[in-house]
Amino acid sequence: MCLALLASNTPEFFAPQEQADYVRFLRTHQETYFVLERDGEVVACGGVALFPDDAAGMQLDVNSAGLTWGMVRRDLHAQGIGTALLEARLGWLRTHAPQVREVRLATSQFTTEYYARRGFQVRHVTRDGFAPGVDAIEMRRVIK
């Protein structure tokens, strides 16, 4: 069902070749991954990472966590579902990993503005880092 969410956001927000990375992530991810449903249908998903192996290359330490593979079904964008998913993940970190003071994520130029409006700041940009035409943008946010 999460693969259908990815497909709904491809190629606008994810490059087609990212599907293989996502499938590998779903098969091997050991940490918390949220799946939001509405009327029995999966409408959003996204995870948290406390350990570098699950953080898609992000450098994590005891005081940082990563957000992984967050997405909302394309036809439901701009309805607050992504914000609810983000807040659920940050809330989970506050409860289950209170030592975390900084949240990191790798996103693309297509969602940087969304995360910036929610307090994340760009730290590093790798042109074509995910795929040709899809930059890898590392963002961070301090949480309390």
N, C-alpha and C. Protein backbone atom coordinates (compact mmCIF):
# COMPACT_ATOMS: atom_id res chain seq x y z
N MET A 1 0.81 -1.20 0.00
CA MET A 1 0.00 0.00 0.00
C MET A 1 0.85 1.26 0.00
N CYS A 2 1.98 1.22 0.72
CA CYS A 2 2.88 2.37 0.71
C CYS A 2 3.49 2.57 -0.66
N LEU A 3 3.70 1.48 -1.40
CA LEU A 3 4.22 1.62 -2.76
C LEU A 3 3.25 2.39 -3.65
N ALA A 4 1.96 2.26 -3.41
CA ALA A 4 0.97 3.01 -4.17
C ALA A 4 1.09 4.51 -3.87
N LEU A 5 1.43 4.85 -2.63
CA LEU A 5 1.65 6.26 -2.29
C LEU A 5 2.85 6.81 -3.06
N LEU A 6 3.93 6.02 -3.09
CA LEU A 6 5.11 6.43 -3.84
C LEU A 6 4.74 6.63 -5.31
N ALA A 7 4.03 5.68 -5.87
CA ALA A 7 3.65 5.77 -7.29
C ALA A 7 2.81 7.02 -7.56
N SER A 8 1.95 7.38 -6.61
CA SER A 8 1.10 8.56 -6.82
C SER A 8 1.92 9.86 -6.83
N ASN A 9 3.11 9.81 -6.27
CA ASN A 9 3.97 10.99 -6.19
C ASN A 9 5.14 10.95 -7.18
N THR A 10 5.13 9.95 -8.07
CA THR A 10 6.18 9.79 -9.07
C THR A 10 5.59 10.14 -10.44
N PRO A 11 6.25 10.93 -11.24
CA PRO A 11 7.60 11.45 -11.12
C PRO A 11 7.69 12.85 -10.54
N GLU A 12 6.57 13.41 -10.08
CA GLU A 12 6.59 14.81 -9.62
C GLU A 12 7.47 15.03 -8.40
N PHE A 13 7.43 14.12 -7.43
CA PHE A 13 8.17 14.31 -6.19
C PHE A 13 9.27 13.26 -5.97
N PHE A 14 9.17 12.13 -6.61
CA PHE A 14 10.19 11.08 -6.54
C PHE A 14 10.53 10.64 -7.96
N ALA A 15 11.79 10.34 -8.16
CA ALA A 15 12.22 9.82 -9.46
C ALA A 15 11.84 8.34 -9.54
N PRO A 16 11.49 7.85 -10.73
CA PRO A 16 11.11 6.44 -10.86
C PRO A 16 12.14 5.47 -10.29
N GLN A 17 13.43 5.78 -10.45
CA GLN A 17 14.47 4.86 -9.98
C GLN A 17 14.56 4.81 -8.45
N GLU A 18 13.87 5.71 -7.73
CA GLU A 18 13.88 5.66 -6.27
C GLU A 18 13.03 4.52 -5.71
N GLN A 19 12.17 3.94 -6.54
CA GLN A 19 11.31 2.87 -6.07
C GLN A 19 12.13 1.70 -5.52
N ALA A 20 13.21 1.35 -6.17
CA ALA A 20 14.04 0.23 -5.69
C ALA A 20 14.61 0.53 -4.32
N ASP A 21 15.04 1.78 -4.09
CA ASP A 21 15.54 2.16 -2.76
C ASP A 21 14.45 2.07 -1.71
N TYR A 22 13.25 2.48 -2.08
CA TYR A 22 12.13 2.44 -1.13
C TYR A 22 11.75 0.99 -0.80
N VAL A 23 11.72 0.14 -1.78
CA VAL A 23 11.41 -1.27 -1.54
C VAL A 23 12.45 -1.87 -0.60
N ARG A 24 13.71 -1.58 -0.85
CA ARG A 24 14.79 -2.07 0.02
C ARG A 24 14.61 -1.53 1.46
N PHE A 25 14.27 -0.26 1.57
CA PHE A 25 14.01 0.35 2.87
C PHE A 25 12.88 -0.38 3.59
N LEU A 26 11.76 -0.60 2.91
CA LEU A 26 10.62 -1.26 3.54
C LEU A 26 10.97 -2.68 4.00
N ARG A 27 11.81 -3.35 3.25
CA ARG A 27 12.19 -4.72 3.61
C ARG A 27 13.16 -4.78 4.79
N THR A 28 13.97 -3.74 4.97
CA THR A 28 15.04 -3.82 5.96
C THR A 28 14.87 -2.87 7.14
N HIS A 29 13.96 -1.91 7.06
CA HIS A 29 13.80 -0.91 8.11
C HIS A 29 13.44 -1.57 9.43
N GLN A 30 14.17 -1.23 10.47
CA GLN A 30 13.98 -1.85 11.79
C GLN A 30 13.28 -0.92 12.78
N GLU A 31 13.07 0.32 12.42
CA GLU A 31 12.56 1.29 13.38
C GLU A 31 11.10 1.64 13.09
N THR A 32 10.59 2.61 13.81
CA THR A 32 9.18 2.98 13.74
C THR A 32 8.85 3.59 12.38
N TYR A 33 7.76 3.09 11.79
CA TYR A 33 7.27 3.61 10.52
C TYR A 33 5.77 3.78 10.64
N PHE A 34 5.30 5.00 10.47
CA PHE A 34 3.89 5.33 10.63
C PHE A 34 3.14 5.15 9.32
N VAL A 35 1.94 4.62 9.41
CA VAL A 35 1.05 4.51 8.26
C VAL A 35 -0.28 5.11 8.68
N LEU A 36 -0.70 6.18 7.99
CA LEU A 36 -1.95 6.85 8.31
C LEU A 36 -3.03 6.35 7.36
N GLU A 37 -4.18 6.05 7.93
CA GLU A 37 -5.32 5.59 7.15
C GLU A 37 -6.49 6.54 7.30
N ARG A 38 -7.30 6.60 6.25
CA ARG A 38 -8.56 7.33 6.28
C ARG A 38 -9.59 6.44 5.61
N ASP A 39 -10.64 6.15 6.33
CA ASP A 39 -11.70 5.28 5.80
C ASP A 39 -11.14 3.97 5.27
N GLY A 40 -10.17 3.41 6.00
CA GLY A 40 -9.60 2.12 5.64
C GLY A 40 -8.58 2.15 4.52
N GLU A 41 -8.25 3.33 4.00
CA GLU A 41 -7.27 3.45 2.93
C GLU A 41 -6.01 4.12 3.46
N VAL A 42 -4.85 3.62 3.05
CA VAL A 42 -3.58 4.24 3.42
C VAL A 42 -3.46 5.56 2.66
N VAL A 43 -3.24 6.66 3.41
CA VAL A 43 -3.15 7.98 2.79
C VAL A 43 -1.80 8.64 3.02
N ALA A 44 -1.00 8.13 3.96
CA ALA A 44 0.31 8.72 4.22
C ALA A 44 1.17 7.72 4.98
N CYS A 45 2.48 7.90 4.87
CA CYS A 45 3.40 7.07 5.63
C CYS A 45 4.72 7.81 5.79
N GLY A 46 5.46 7.44 6.81
CA GLY A 46 6.77 8.05 7.05
C GLY A 46 7.34 7.53 8.34
N GLY A 47 8.66 7.49 8.44
CA GLY A 47 9.29 6.90 9.60
C GLY A 47 10.24 7.80 10.33
N VAL A 48 10.81 7.22 11.38
CA VAL A 48 11.87 7.86 12.16
C VAL A 48 13.06 6.91 12.20
N ALA A 49 14.24 7.48 12.34
CA ALA A 49 15.45 6.68 12.45
C ALA A 49 16.29 7.23 13.59
N LEU A 50 16.72 6.33 14.45
CA LEU A 50 17.63 6.69 15.53
C LEU A 50 19.02 6.13 15.30
N PHE A 51 19.13 5.22 14.35
CA PHE A 51 20.40 4.55 14.09
C PHE A 51 20.81 4.80 12.65
N PRO A 52 22.10 5.04 12.40
CA PRO A 52 22.57 5.38 11.05
C PRO A 52 22.18 4.38 9.97
N ASP A 53 22.07 3.10 10.29
CA ASP A 53 21.74 2.12 9.26
C ASP A 53 20.37 2.36 8.65
N ASP A 54 19.46 2.96 9.40
CA ASP A 54 18.12 3.22 8.91
C ASP A 54 17.93 4.65 8.41
N ALA A 55 18.98 5.45 8.43
CA ALA A 55 18.83 6.87 8.19
C ALA A 55 19.20 7.31 6.78
N ALA A 56 19.30 6.40 5.85
CA ALA A 56 19.55 6.73 4.45
C ALA A 56 20.77 7.63 4.28
N GLY A 57 21.85 7.27 4.96
CA GLY A 57 23.09 8.01 4.81
C GLY A 57 23.25 9.22 5.69
N MET A 58 22.22 9.59 6.44
CA MET A 58 22.35 10.72 7.35
C MET A 58 23.28 10.36 8.50
N GLN A 59 24.10 11.31 8.90
CA GLN A 59 24.99 11.10 10.03
C GLN A 59 24.21 11.40 11.31
N LEU A 60 23.93 10.36 12.09
CA LEU A 60 23.18 10.52 13.32
C LEU A 60 24.07 10.23 14.52
N ASP A 61 23.77 10.89 15.63
CA ASP A 61 24.42 10.58 16.89
C ASP A 61 23.33 10.47 17.95
N VAL A 62 23.71 10.33 19.21
CA VAL A 62 22.73 10.09 20.26
C VAL A 62 21.73 11.25 20.41
N ASN A 63 22.11 12.45 19.97
CA ASN A 63 21.25 13.62 20.12
C ASN A 63 20.48 13.98 18.85
N SER A 64 20.54 13.12 17.84
CA SER A 64 19.84 13.42 16.59
C SER A 64 19.06 12.21 16.10
N ALA A 65 18.06 12.51 15.30
CA ALA A 65 17.23 11.47 14.69
C ALA A 65 16.96 11.89 13.25
N GLY A 66 16.55 10.93 12.45
CA GLY A 66 16.21 11.21 11.07
C GLY A 66 14.74 10.94 10.79
N LEU A 67 14.20 11.64 9.83
CA LEU A 67 12.87 11.34 9.31
C LEU A 67 13.07 10.64 7.98
N THR A 68 12.34 9.54 7.77
CA THR A 68 12.56 8.71 6.60
C THR A 68 11.30 8.54 5.76
N TRP A 69 11.47 8.63 4.47
CA TRP A 69 10.47 8.28 3.47
C TRP A 69 9.05 8.73 3.83
N GLY A 70 8.87 10.01 4.07
CA GLY A 70 7.55 10.55 4.35
C GLY A 70 6.84 10.92 3.05
N MET A 71 5.57 10.56 2.96
CA MET A 71 4.80 10.90 1.76
C MET A 71 3.30 10.82 2.04
N VAL A 72 2.56 11.61 1.28
CA VAL A 72 1.10 11.65 1.34
C VAL A 72 0.59 11.35 -0.06
N ARG A 73 -0.50 10.60 -0.14
CA ARG A 73 -1.09 10.30 -1.44
C ARG A 73 -1.29 11.61 -2.21
N ARG A 74 -0.86 11.64 -3.45
CA ARG A 74 -0.80 12.88 -4.24
C ARG A 74 -2.11 13.64 -4.29
N ASP A 75 -3.22 12.99 -4.43
CA ASP A 75 -4.49 13.70 -4.54
C ASP A 75 -4.96 14.27 -3.20
N LEU A 76 -4.23 14.00 -2.13
CA LEU A 76 -4.60 14.51 -0.81
C LEU A 76 -3.60 15.54 -0.27
N HIS A 77 -2.68 16.01 -1.11
CA HIS A 77 -1.75 17.05 -0.68
C HIS A 77 -2.52 18.30 -0.28
N ALA A 78 -1.90 19.10 0.60
CA ALA A 78 -2.44 20.40 1.04
C ALA A 78 -3.74 20.27 1.82
N GLN A 79 -3.91 19.15 2.52
CA GLN A 79 -5.09 18.97 3.36
C GLN A 79 -4.72 18.77 4.83
N GLY A 80 -3.45 18.96 5.17
CA GLY A 80 -3.01 18.84 6.56
C GLY A 80 -2.55 17.45 6.95
N ILE A 81 -2.62 16.50 6.05
CA ILE A 81 -2.24 15.12 6.38
C ILE A 81 -0.73 15.02 6.59
N GLY A 82 0.05 15.67 5.74
CA GLY A 82 1.50 15.66 5.89
C GLY A 82 1.93 16.30 7.20
N THR A 83 1.27 17.38 7.57
CA THR A 83 1.59 18.04 8.83
C THR A 83 1.24 17.14 10.00
N ALA A 84 0.11 16.45 9.92
CA ALA A 84 -0.26 15.50 10.99
C ALA A 84 0.77 14.38 11.09
N LEU A 85 1.24 13.89 9.96
CA LEU A 85 2.27 12.85 9.95
C LEU A 85 3.57 13.37 10.56
N LEU A 86 3.98 14.57 10.18
CA LEU A 86 5.20 15.16 10.73
C LEU A 86 5.06 15.33 12.25
N GLU A 87 3.96 15.87 12.70
CA GLU A 87 3.76 16.07 14.14
C GLU A 87 3.72 14.75 14.90
N ALA A 88 3.15 13.71 14.30
CA ALA A 88 3.13 12.39 14.95
C ALA A 88 4.55 11.87 15.11
N ARG A 89 5.37 12.05 14.10
CA ARG A 89 6.76 11.58 14.18
C ARG A 89 7.56 12.38 15.20
N LEU A 90 7.39 13.70 15.21
CA LEU A 90 8.10 14.51 16.19
C LEU A 90 7.61 14.20 17.60
N GLY A 91 6.31 13.99 17.75
CA GLY A 91 5.76 13.61 19.06
C GLY A 91 6.31 12.27 19.54
N TRP A 92 6.42 11.32 18.62
CA TRP A 92 6.97 10.02 18.97
C TRP A 92 8.41 10.18 19.47
N LEU A 93 9.19 11.01 18.79
CA LEU A 93 10.57 11.24 19.21
C LEU A 93 10.63 11.89 20.59
N ARG A 94 9.76 12.85 20.84
CA ARG A 94 9.76 13.51 22.16
C ARG A 94 9.46 12.51 23.27
N THR A 95 8.58 11.57 23.01
CA THR A 95 8.18 10.57 24.02
C THR A 95 9.18 9.44 24.14
N HIS A 96 9.61 8.89 23.02
CA HIS A 96 10.42 7.67 23.02
C HIS A 96 11.93 7.91 22.91
N ALA A 97 12.33 9.10 22.56
CA ALA A 97 13.75 9.42 22.43
C ALA A 97 13.98 10.86 22.91
N PRO A 98 13.72 11.11 24.19
CA PRO A 98 13.80 12.49 24.70
C PRO A 98 15.18 13.12 24.61
N GLN A 99 16.21 12.32 24.40
CA GLN A 99 17.56 12.86 24.26
C GLN A 99 17.76 13.56 22.92
N VAL A 100 16.89 13.30 21.95
CA VAL A 100 17.03 13.87 20.61
C VAL A 100 16.72 15.37 20.66
N ARG A 101 17.66 16.13 20.17
CA ARG A 101 17.52 17.59 20.13
C ARG A 101 17.48 18.13 18.71
N GLU A 102 17.84 17.29 17.75
CA GLU A 102 17.87 17.74 16.37
C GLU A 102 17.30 16.64 15.47
N VAL A 103 16.43 17.04 14.56
CA VAL A 103 15.85 16.11 13.59
C VAL A 103 16.40 16.47 12.22
N ARG A 104 16.82 15.44 11.49
CA ARG A 104 17.40 15.61 10.17
C ARG A 104 16.56 14.87 9.14
N LEU A 105 16.59 15.37 7.95
CA LEU A 105 15.93 14.66 6.85
C LEU A 105 16.63 14.98 5.56
N ALA A 106 16.48 14.10 4.62
CA ALA A 106 16.96 14.33 3.26
C ALA A 106 15.73 14.41 2.38
N THR A 107 15.57 15.52 1.70
CA THR A 107 14.41 15.73 0.85
C THR A 107 14.89 16.28 -0.48
N SER A 108 13.97 16.63 -1.34
CA SER A 108 14.33 17.18 -2.65
C SER A 108 13.91 18.64 -2.71
N GLN A 109 14.27 19.27 -3.80
CA GLN A 109 13.90 20.67 -4.00
C GLN A 109 12.39 20.85 -4.11
N PHE A 110 11.67 19.78 -4.30
CA PHE A 110 10.22 19.86 -4.48
C PHE A 110 9.47 20.01 -3.15
N THR A 111 10.12 19.65 -2.03
CA THR A 111 9.45 19.74 -0.73
C THR A 111 10.23 20.58 0.29
N THR A 112 11.32 21.19 -0.15
CA THR A 112 12.13 22.00 0.77
C THR A 112 11.31 23.12 1.40
N GLU A 113 10.51 23.80 0.62
CA GLU A 113 9.71 24.91 1.14
C GLU A 113 8.72 24.43 2.21
N TYR A 114 8.11 23.28 1.98
CA TYR A 114 7.18 22.71 2.96
C TYR A 114 7.88 22.55 4.32
N TYR A 115 9.05 21.92 4.30
CA TYR A 115 9.76 21.69 5.57
C TYR A 115 10.30 22.99 6.16
N ALA A 116 10.71 23.93 5.32
CA ALA A 116 11.20 25.22 5.82
C ALA A 116 10.09 25.96 6.59
N ARG A 117 8.86 25.87 6.11
CA ARG A 117 7.75 26.50 6.82
C ARG A 117 7.49 25.85 8.18
N ARG A 118 8.03 24.68 8.39
CA ARG A 118 7.85 23.96 9.65
C ARG A 118 9.12 23.95 10.50
N GLY A 119 10.00 24.89 10.23
CA GLY A 119 11.17 25.11 11.08
C GLY A 119 12.45 24.41 10.68
N PHE A 120 12.46 23.69 9.57
CA PHE A 120 13.67 23.02 9.11
C PHE A 120 14.52 24.00 8.30
N GLN A 121 15.83 23.85 8.42
CA GLN A 121 16.76 24.70 7.69
C GLN A 121 17.65 23.85 6.79
N VAL A 122 17.92 24.35 5.60
CA VAL A 122 18.80 23.66 4.66
C VAL A 122 20.23 23.70 5.20
N ARG A 123 20.88 22.53 5.20
CA ARG A 123 22.27 22.42 5.64
C ARG A 123 23.21 22.06 4.50
N HIS A 124 22.70 21.30 3.52
CA HIS A 124 23.58 20.87 2.43
C HIS A 124 22.72 20.48 1.22
N VAL A 125 23.21 20.82 0.04
CA VAL A 125 22.53 20.47 -1.20
C VAL A 125 23.49 19.68 -2.08
N THR A 126 23.03 18.53 -2.56
CA THR A 126 23.79 17.74 -3.52
C THR A 126 22.97 17.69 -4.81
N ARG A 127 23.43 18.40 -5.82
CA ARG A 127 22.72 18.42 -7.10
C ARG A 127 22.62 17.01 -7.66
N ASP A 128 21.43 16.65 -8.12
CA ASP A 128 21.17 15.33 -8.69
C ASP A 128 21.49 14.20 -7.70
N GLY A 129 21.39 14.49 -6.42
CA GLY A 129 21.77 13.54 -5.39
C GLY A 129 20.89 12.31 -5.29
N PHE A 130 19.62 12.43 -5.64
CA PHE A 130 18.73 11.27 -5.63
C PHE A 130 18.62 10.65 -7.02
N ALA A 131 18.59 11.52 -8.02
CA ALA A 131 18.45 11.08 -9.41
C ALA A 131 18.69 12.30 -10.29
N PRO A 132 18.91 12.13 -11.58
CA PRO A 132 19.05 13.30 -12.44
C PRO A 132 17.83 14.21 -12.31
N GLY A 133 18.09 15.47 -11.98
CA GLY A 133 17.00 16.43 -11.81
C GLY A 133 16.36 16.42 -10.43
N VAL A 134 16.80 15.54 -9.55
CA VAL A 134 16.23 15.46 -8.19
C VAL A 134 17.38 15.64 -7.20
N ASP A 135 17.49 16.85 -6.66
CA ASP A 135 18.56 17.16 -5.72
C ASP A 135 18.30 16.52 -4.36
N ALA A 136 19.38 16.16 -3.67
CA ALA A 136 19.29 15.68 -2.28
C ALA A 136 19.60 16.87 -1.38
N ILE A 137 18.64 17.26 -0.59
CA ILE A 137 18.78 18.43 0.27
C ILE A 137 18.65 17.99 1.72
N GLU A 138 19.74 18.17 2.48
CA GLU A 138 19.73 17.83 3.90
C GLU A 138 19.19 19.03 4.66
N MET A 139 18.19 18.76 5.51
CA MET A 139 17.59 19.81 6.33
C MET A 139 17.61 19.36 7.78
N ARG A 140 17.62 20.34 8.68
CA ARG A 140 17.64 20.04 10.12
C ARG A 140 16.73 20.98 10.87
N ARG A 141 16.23 20.49 12.00
CA ARG A 141 15.37 21.29 12.86
C ARG A 141 15.69 20.91 14.32
N VAL A 142 15.84 21.93 15.14
CA VAL A 142 16.02 21.69 16.57
C VAL A 142 14.64 21.43 17.16
N ILE A 143 14.54 20.42 18.03
CA ILE A 143 13.28 20.16 18.72
C ILE A 143 13.51 20.26 20.22
N LYS A 144 12.47 20.53 20.93
CA LYS A 144 12.56 20.64 22.39
C LYS A 144 11.65 19.64 23.04
